[in-house]
Amino acid sequence: MKMRNVVLTMGIGAAAGAVAAMMLPKQSAARKLVNKAADKVEDAVQSVTAKITQESDM
């Protein structure tokens, strides 16, 4: 499986999680937890994307 496909799948999963989180009440502990997890996934995807881009430019 290509790394690009993995990153794309992670992005789609994060988007689906964000949609589900928007349905929860704003003060819900579950919503806060989901938001933290989504932020971590977004950071990881950006990091992997930057690394792939950097390595492909070499």
PDB file of N, CA and C in Angstrom:
ATOM      1  N   MET A   1       0.844  -1.174   0.000  1.00  0.00           N
ATOM      2  CA  MET A   1       0.000   0.000   0.000  1.00  0.00           C
ATOM      3  C   MET A   1       0.892   1.241   0.000  1.00  0.00           C
ATOM      4  N   LYS A   2       0.591   2.157  -0.867  1.00  0.00           N
ATOM      5  CA  LYS A   2       1.393   3.370  -0.960  1.00  0.00           C
ATOM      6  C   LYS A   2       1.123   4.275   0.231  1.00  0.00           C
ATOM      7  N   MET A   3       2.147   5.024   0.637  1.00  0.00           N
ATOM      8  CA  MET A   3       2.021   5.926   1.776  1.00  0.00           C
ATOM      9  C   MET A   3       0.950   6.978   1.515  1.00  0.00           C
ATOM     10  N   ARG A   4       0.819   7.407   0.277  1.00  0.00           N
ATOM     11  CA  ARG A   4      -0.189   8.409  -0.064  1.00  0.00           C
ATOM     12  C   ARG A   4      -1.589   7.903   0.253  1.00  0.00           C
ATOM     13  N   ASN A   5      -1.826   6.627  -0.010  1.00  0.00           N
ATOM     14  CA  ASN A   5      -3.121   6.029   0.297  1.00  0.00           C
ATOM     15  C   ASN A   5      -3.369   5.975   1.801  1.00  0.00           C
ATOM     16  N   VAL A   6      -2.318   5.684   2.556  1.00  0.00           N
ATOM     17  CA  VAL A   6      -2.446   5.642   4.014  1.00  0.00           C
ATOM     18  C   VAL A   6      -2.812   7.027   4.535  1.00  0.00           C
ATOM     19  N   VAL A   7      -2.113   8.038   4.060  1.00  0.00           N
ATOM     20  CA  VAL A   7      -2.373   9.410   4.503  1.00  0.00           C
ATOM     21  C   VAL A   7      -3.781   9.838   4.108  1.00  0.00           C
ATOM     22  N   LEU A   8      -4.185   9.494   2.910  1.00  0.00           N
ATOM     23  CA  LEU A   8      -5.539   9.830   2.455  1.00  0.00           C
ATOM     24  C   LEU A   8      -6.587   9.150   3.323  1.00  0.00           C
ATOM     25  N   THR A   9      -6.370   7.887   3.654  1.00  0.00           N
ATOM     26  CA  THR A   9      -7.302   7.157   4.518  1.00  0.00           C
ATOM     27  C   THR A   9      -7.372   7.798   5.898  1.00  0.00           C
ATOM     28  N   MET A  10      -6.233   8.207   6.426  1.00  0.00           N
ATOM     29  CA  MET A  10      -6.225   8.877   7.725  1.00  0.00           C
ATOM     30  C   MET A  10      -7.005  10.183   7.669  1.00  0.00           C
ATOM     31  N   GLY A  11      -6.843  10.912   6.598  1.00  0.00           N
ATOM     32  CA  GLY A  11      -7.565  12.173   6.443  1.00  0.00           C
ATOM     33  C   GLY A  11      -9.063  11.972   6.362  1.00  0.00           C
ATOM     34  N   ILE A  12      -9.481  10.953   5.633  1.00  0.00           N
ATOM     35  CA  ILE A  12     -10.911  10.649   5.525  1.00  0.00           C
ATOM     36  C   ILE A  12     -11.458  10.222   6.889  1.00  0.00           C
ATOM     37  N   GLY A  13     -10.691   9.444   7.610  1.00  0.00           N
ATOM     38  CA  GLY A  13     -11.114   9.026   8.956  1.00  0.00           C
ATOM     39  C   GLY A  13     -11.243  10.205   9.900  1.00  0.00           C
ATOM     40  N   ALA A  14     -10.303  11.139   9.812  1.00  0.00           N
ATOM     41  CA  ALA A  14     -10.370  12.331  10.656  1.00  0.00           C
ATOM     42  C   ALA A  14     -11.590  13.168  10.307  1.00  0.00           C
ATOM     43  N   ALA A  15     -11.891  13.283   9.034  1.00  0.00           N
ATOM     44  CA  ALA A  15     -13.059  14.053   8.611  1.00  0.00           C
ATOM     45  C   ALA A  15     -14.343  13.392   9.104  1.00  0.00           C
ATOM     46  N   ALA A  16     -14.418  12.081   9.019  1.00  0.00           N
ATOM     47  CA  ALA A  16     -15.604  11.367   9.498  1.00  0.00           C
ATOM     48  C   ALA A  16     -15.753  11.530  11.005  1.00  0.00           C
ATOM     49  N   GLY A  17     -14.652  11.483  11.706  1.00  0.00           N
ATOM     50  CA  GLY A  17     -14.682  11.692  13.159  1.00  0.00           C
ATOM     51  C   GLY A  17     -15.127  13.094  13.517  1.00  0.00           C
ATOM     52  N   ALA A  18     -14.700  14.065  12.743  1.00  0.00           N
ATOM     53  CA  ALA A  18     -15.100  15.449  12.996  1.00  0.00           C
ATOM     54  C   ALA A  18     -16.597  15.627  12.793  1.00  0.00           C
ATOM     55  N   VAL A  19     -17.139  14.990  11.783  1.00  0.00           N
ATOM     56  CA  VAL A  19     -18.590  15.064  11.543  1.00  0.00           C
ATOM     57  C   VAL A  19     -19.340  14.442  12.715  1.00  0.00           C
ATOM     58  N   ALA A  20     -18.879  13.303  13.186  1.00  0.00           N
ATOM     59  CA  ALA A  20     -19.527  12.649  14.322  1.00  0.00           C
ATOM     60  C   ALA A  20     -19.413  13.506  15.579  1.00  0.00           C
ATOM     61  N   ALA A  21     -18.275  14.148  15.770  1.00  0.00           N
ATOM     62  CA  ALA A  21     -18.065  14.988  16.949  1.00  0.00           C
ATOM     63  C   ALA A  21     -18.978  16.207  16.936  1.00  0.00           C
ATOM     64  N   MET A  22     -19.292  16.731  15.757  1.00  0.00           N
ATOM     65  CA  MET A  22     -20.157  17.904  15.680  1.00  0.00           C
ATOM     66  C   MET A  22     -21.571  17.579  16.142  1.00  0.00           C
ATOM     67  N   MET A  23     -21.948  16.310  16.153  1.00  0.00           N
ATOM     68  CA  MET A  23     -23.280  15.921  16.600  1.00  0.00           C
ATOM     69  C   MET A  23     -23.375  15.828  18.125  1.00  0.00           C
ATOM     70  N   LEU A  24     -22.238  15.826  18.806  1.00  0.00           N
ATOM     71  CA  LEU A  24     -22.239  15.740  20.263  1.00  0.00           C
ATOM     72  C   LEU A  24     -22.457  17.125  20.874  1.00  0.00           C
ATOM     73  N   PRO A  25     -23.006  17.198  22.084  1.00  0.00           N
ATOM     74  CA  PRO A  25     -23.141  18.497  22.757  1.00  0.00           C
ATOM     75  C   PRO A  25     -21.772  19.142  22.968  1.00  0.00           C
ATOM     76  N   LYS A  26     -21.718  20.478  22.899  1.00  0.00           N
ATOM     77  CA  LYS A  26     -20.432  21.183  22.964  1.00  0.00           C
ATOM     78  C   LYS A  26     -19.663  20.929  24.255  1.00  0.00           C
ATOM     79  N   GLN A  27     -20.357  20.783  25.376  1.00  0.00           N
ATOM     80  CA  GLN A  27     -19.679  20.590  26.660  1.00  0.00           C
ATOM     81  C   GLN A  27     -19.419  19.123  26.987  1.00  0.00           C
ATOM     82  N   SER A  28     -19.725  18.239  26.064  1.00  0.00           N
ATOM     83  CA  SER A  28     -19.556  16.802  26.286  1.00  0.00           C
ATOM     84  C   SER A  28     -18.077  16.440  26.403  1.00  0.00           C
ATOM     85  N   ALA A  29     -17.772  15.597  27.381  1.00  0.00           N
ATOM     86  CA  ALA A  29     -16.394  15.117  27.546  1.00  0.00           C
ATOM     87  C   ALA A  29     -15.964  14.314  26.324  1.00  0.00           C
ATOM     88  N   ALA A  30     -16.910  13.580  25.740  1.00  0.00           N
ATOM     89  CA  ALA A  30     -16.593  12.795  24.543  1.00  0.00           C
ATOM     90  C   ALA A  30     -16.203  13.709  23.389  1.00  0.00           C
ATOM     91  N   ARG A  31     -16.918  14.830  23.235  1.00  0.00           N
ATOM     92  CA  ARG A  31     -16.593  15.772  22.152  1.00  0.00           C
ATOM     93  C   ARG A  31     -15.207  16.364  22.351  1.00  0.00           C
ATOM     94  N   LYS A  32     -14.878  16.710  23.582  1.00  0.00           N
ATOM     95  CA  LYS A  32     -13.544  17.269  23.866  1.00  0.00           C
ATOM     96  C   LYS A  32     -12.459  16.243  23.556  1.00  0.00           C
ATOM     97  N   LEU A  33     -12.711  14.989  23.918  1.00  0.00           N
ATOM     98  CA  LEU A  33     -11.751  13.922  23.652  1.00  0.00           C
ATOM     99  C   LEU A  33     -11.581  13.701  22.150  1.00  0.00           C
ATOM    100  N   VAL A  34     -12.694  13.699  21.431  1.00  0.00           N
ATOM    101  CA  VAL A  34     -12.641  13.517  19.973  1.00  0.00           C
ATOM    102  C   VAL A  34     -11.892  14.672  19.319  1.00  0.00           C
ATOM    103  N   ASN A  35     -12.127  15.890  19.790  1.00  0.00           N
ATOM    104  CA  ASN A  35     -11.424  17.050  19.229  1.00  0.00           C
ATOM    105  C   ASN A  35      -9.917  16.955  19.457  1.00  0.00           C
ATOM    106  N   LYS A  36      -9.522  16.516  20.644  1.00  0.00           N
ATOM    107  CA  LYS A  36      -8.091  16.343  20.921  1.00  0.00           C
ATOM    108  C   LYS A  36      -7.485  15.277  20.004  1.00  0.00           C
ATOM    109  N   ALA A  37      -8.209  14.174  19.845  1.00  0.00           N
ATOM    110  CA  ALA A  37      -7.727  13.098  18.975  1.00  0.00           C
ATOM    111  C   ALA A  37      -7.635  13.566  17.529  1.00  0.00           C
ATOM    112  N   ALA A  38      -8.635  14.326  17.080  1.00  0.00           N
ATOM    113  CA  ALA A  38      -8.617  14.839  15.706  1.00  0.00           C
ATOM    114  C   ALA A  38      -7.435  15.789  15.501  1.00  0.00           C
ATOM    115  N   ASP A  39      -7.141  16.608  16.502  1.00  0.00           N
ATOM    116  CA  ASP A  39      -5.987  17.504  16.395  1.00  0.00           C
ATOM    117  C   ASP A  39      -4.688  16.716  16.288  1.00  0.00           C
ATOM    118  N   LYS A  40      -4.567  15.653  17.060  1.00  0.00           N
ATOM    119  CA  LYS A  40      -3.352  14.828  17.004  1.00  0.00           C
ATOM    120  C   LYS A  40      -3.219  14.124  15.654  1.00  0.00           C
ATOM    121  N   VAL A  41      -4.337  13.633  15.136  1.00  0.00           N
ATOM    122  CA  VAL A  41      -4.310  12.978  13.821  1.00  0.00           C
ATOM    123  C   VAL A  41      -3.930  13.981  12.745  1.00  0.00           C
ATOM    124  N   GLU A  42      -4.497  15.183  12.825  1.00  0.00           N
ATOM    125  CA  GLU A  42      -4.173  16.213  11.843  1.00  0.00           C
ATOM    126  C   GLU A  42      -2.688  16.553  11.881  1.00  0.00           C
ATOM    127  N   ASP A  43      -2.134  16.679  13.092  1.00  0.00           N
ATOM    128  CA  ASP A  43      -0.700  16.948  13.220  1.00  0.00           C
ATOM    129  C   ASP A  43       0.129  15.812  12.631  1.00  0.00           C
ATOM    130  N   ALA A  44      -0.282  14.577  12.892  1.00  0.00           N
ATOM    131  CA  ALA A  44       0.448  13.425  12.367  1.00  0.00           C
ATOM    132  C   ALA A  44       0.395  13.384  10.848  1.00  0.00           C
ATOM    133  N   VAL A  45      -0.765  13.656  10.274  1.00  0.00           N
ATOM    134  CA  VAL A  45      -0.904  13.655   8.813  1.00  0.00           C
ATOM    135  C   VAL A  45      -0.036  14.740   8.197  1.00  0.00           C
ATOM    136  N   GLN A  46      -0.032  15.916   8.804  1.00  0.00           N
ATOM    137  CA  GLN A  46       0.801  17.003   8.286  1.00  0.00           C
ATOM    138  C   GLN A  46       2.278  16.641   8.378  1.00  0.00           C
ATOM    139  N   SER A  47       2.671  16.016   9.469  1.00  0.00           N
ATOM    140  CA  SER A  47       4.062  15.615   9.643  1.00  0.00           C
ATOM    141  C   SER A  47       4.476  14.575   8.605  1.00  0.00           C
ATOM    142  N   VAL A  48       3.626  13.571   8.405  1.00  0.00           N
ATOM    143  CA  VAL A  48       3.929  12.528   7.418  1.00  0.00           C
ATOM    144  C   VAL A  48       3.966  13.113   6.014  1.00  0.00           C
ATOM    145  N   THR A  49       3.017  13.980   5.714  1.00  0.00           N
ATOM    146  CA  THR A  49       2.982  14.608   4.390  1.00  0.00           C
ATOM    147  C   THR A  49       4.234  15.432   4.142  1.00  0.00           C
ATOM    148  N   ALA A  50       4.647  16.193   5.143  1.00  0.00           N
ATOM    149  CA  ALA A  50       5.858  17.007   5.003  1.00  0.00           C
ATOM    150  C   ALA A  50       7.080  16.115   4.794  1.00  0.00           C
ATOM    151  N   LYS A  51       7.146  15.013   5.529  1.00  0.00           N
ATOM    152  CA  LYS A  51       8.288  14.101   5.392  1.00  0.00           C
ATOM    153  C   LYS A  51       8.311  13.453   4.017  1.00  0.00           C
ATOM    154  N   ILE A  52       7.141  13.026   3.543  1.00  0.00           N
ATOM    155  CA  ILE A  52       7.070  12.420   2.206  1.00  0.00           C
ATOM    156  C   ILE A  52       7.475  13.425   1.137  1.00  0.00           C
ATOM    157  N   THR A  53       6.989  14.628   1.265  1.00  0.00           N
ATOM    158  CA  THR A  53       7.325  15.674   0.301  1.00  0.00           C
ATOM    159  C   THR A  53       8.816  15.965   0.314  1.00  0.00           C
ATOM    160  N   GLN A  54       9.382  16.049   1.520  1.00  0.00           N
ATOM    161  CA  GLN A  54      10.802  16.333   1.648  1.00  0.00           C
ATOM    162  C   GLN A  54      11.644  15.210   1.033  1.00  0.00           C
ATOM    163  N   GLU A  55      11.261  13.976   1.287  1.00  0.00           N
ATOM    164  CA  GLU A  55      12.028  12.832   0.774  1.00  0.00           C
ATOM    165  C   GLU A  55      11.873  12.683  -0.741  1.00  0.00           C
ATOM    166  N   SER A  56      10.704  13.061  -1.267  1.00  0.00           N
ATOM    167  CA  SER A  56      10.518  12.934  -2.714  1.00  0.00           C
ATOM    168  C   SER A  56      11.253  14.038  -3.473  1.00  0.00           C
ATOM    169  N   ASP A  57      11.550  15.150  -2.791  1.00  0.00           N
ATOM    170  CA  ASP A  57      12.292  16.242  -3.424  1.00  0.00           C
ATOM    171  C   ASP A  57      13.792  15.959  -3.477  1.00  0.00           C
ATOM    172  N   MET A  58      14.250  14.967  -2.739  1.00  0.00           N
ATOM    173  CA  MET A  58      15.699  14.677  -2.686  1.00  0.00           C
ATOM    174  C   MET A  58      16.187  14.050  -3.927  1.00  0.00           C
TER     175      MET A  58
END
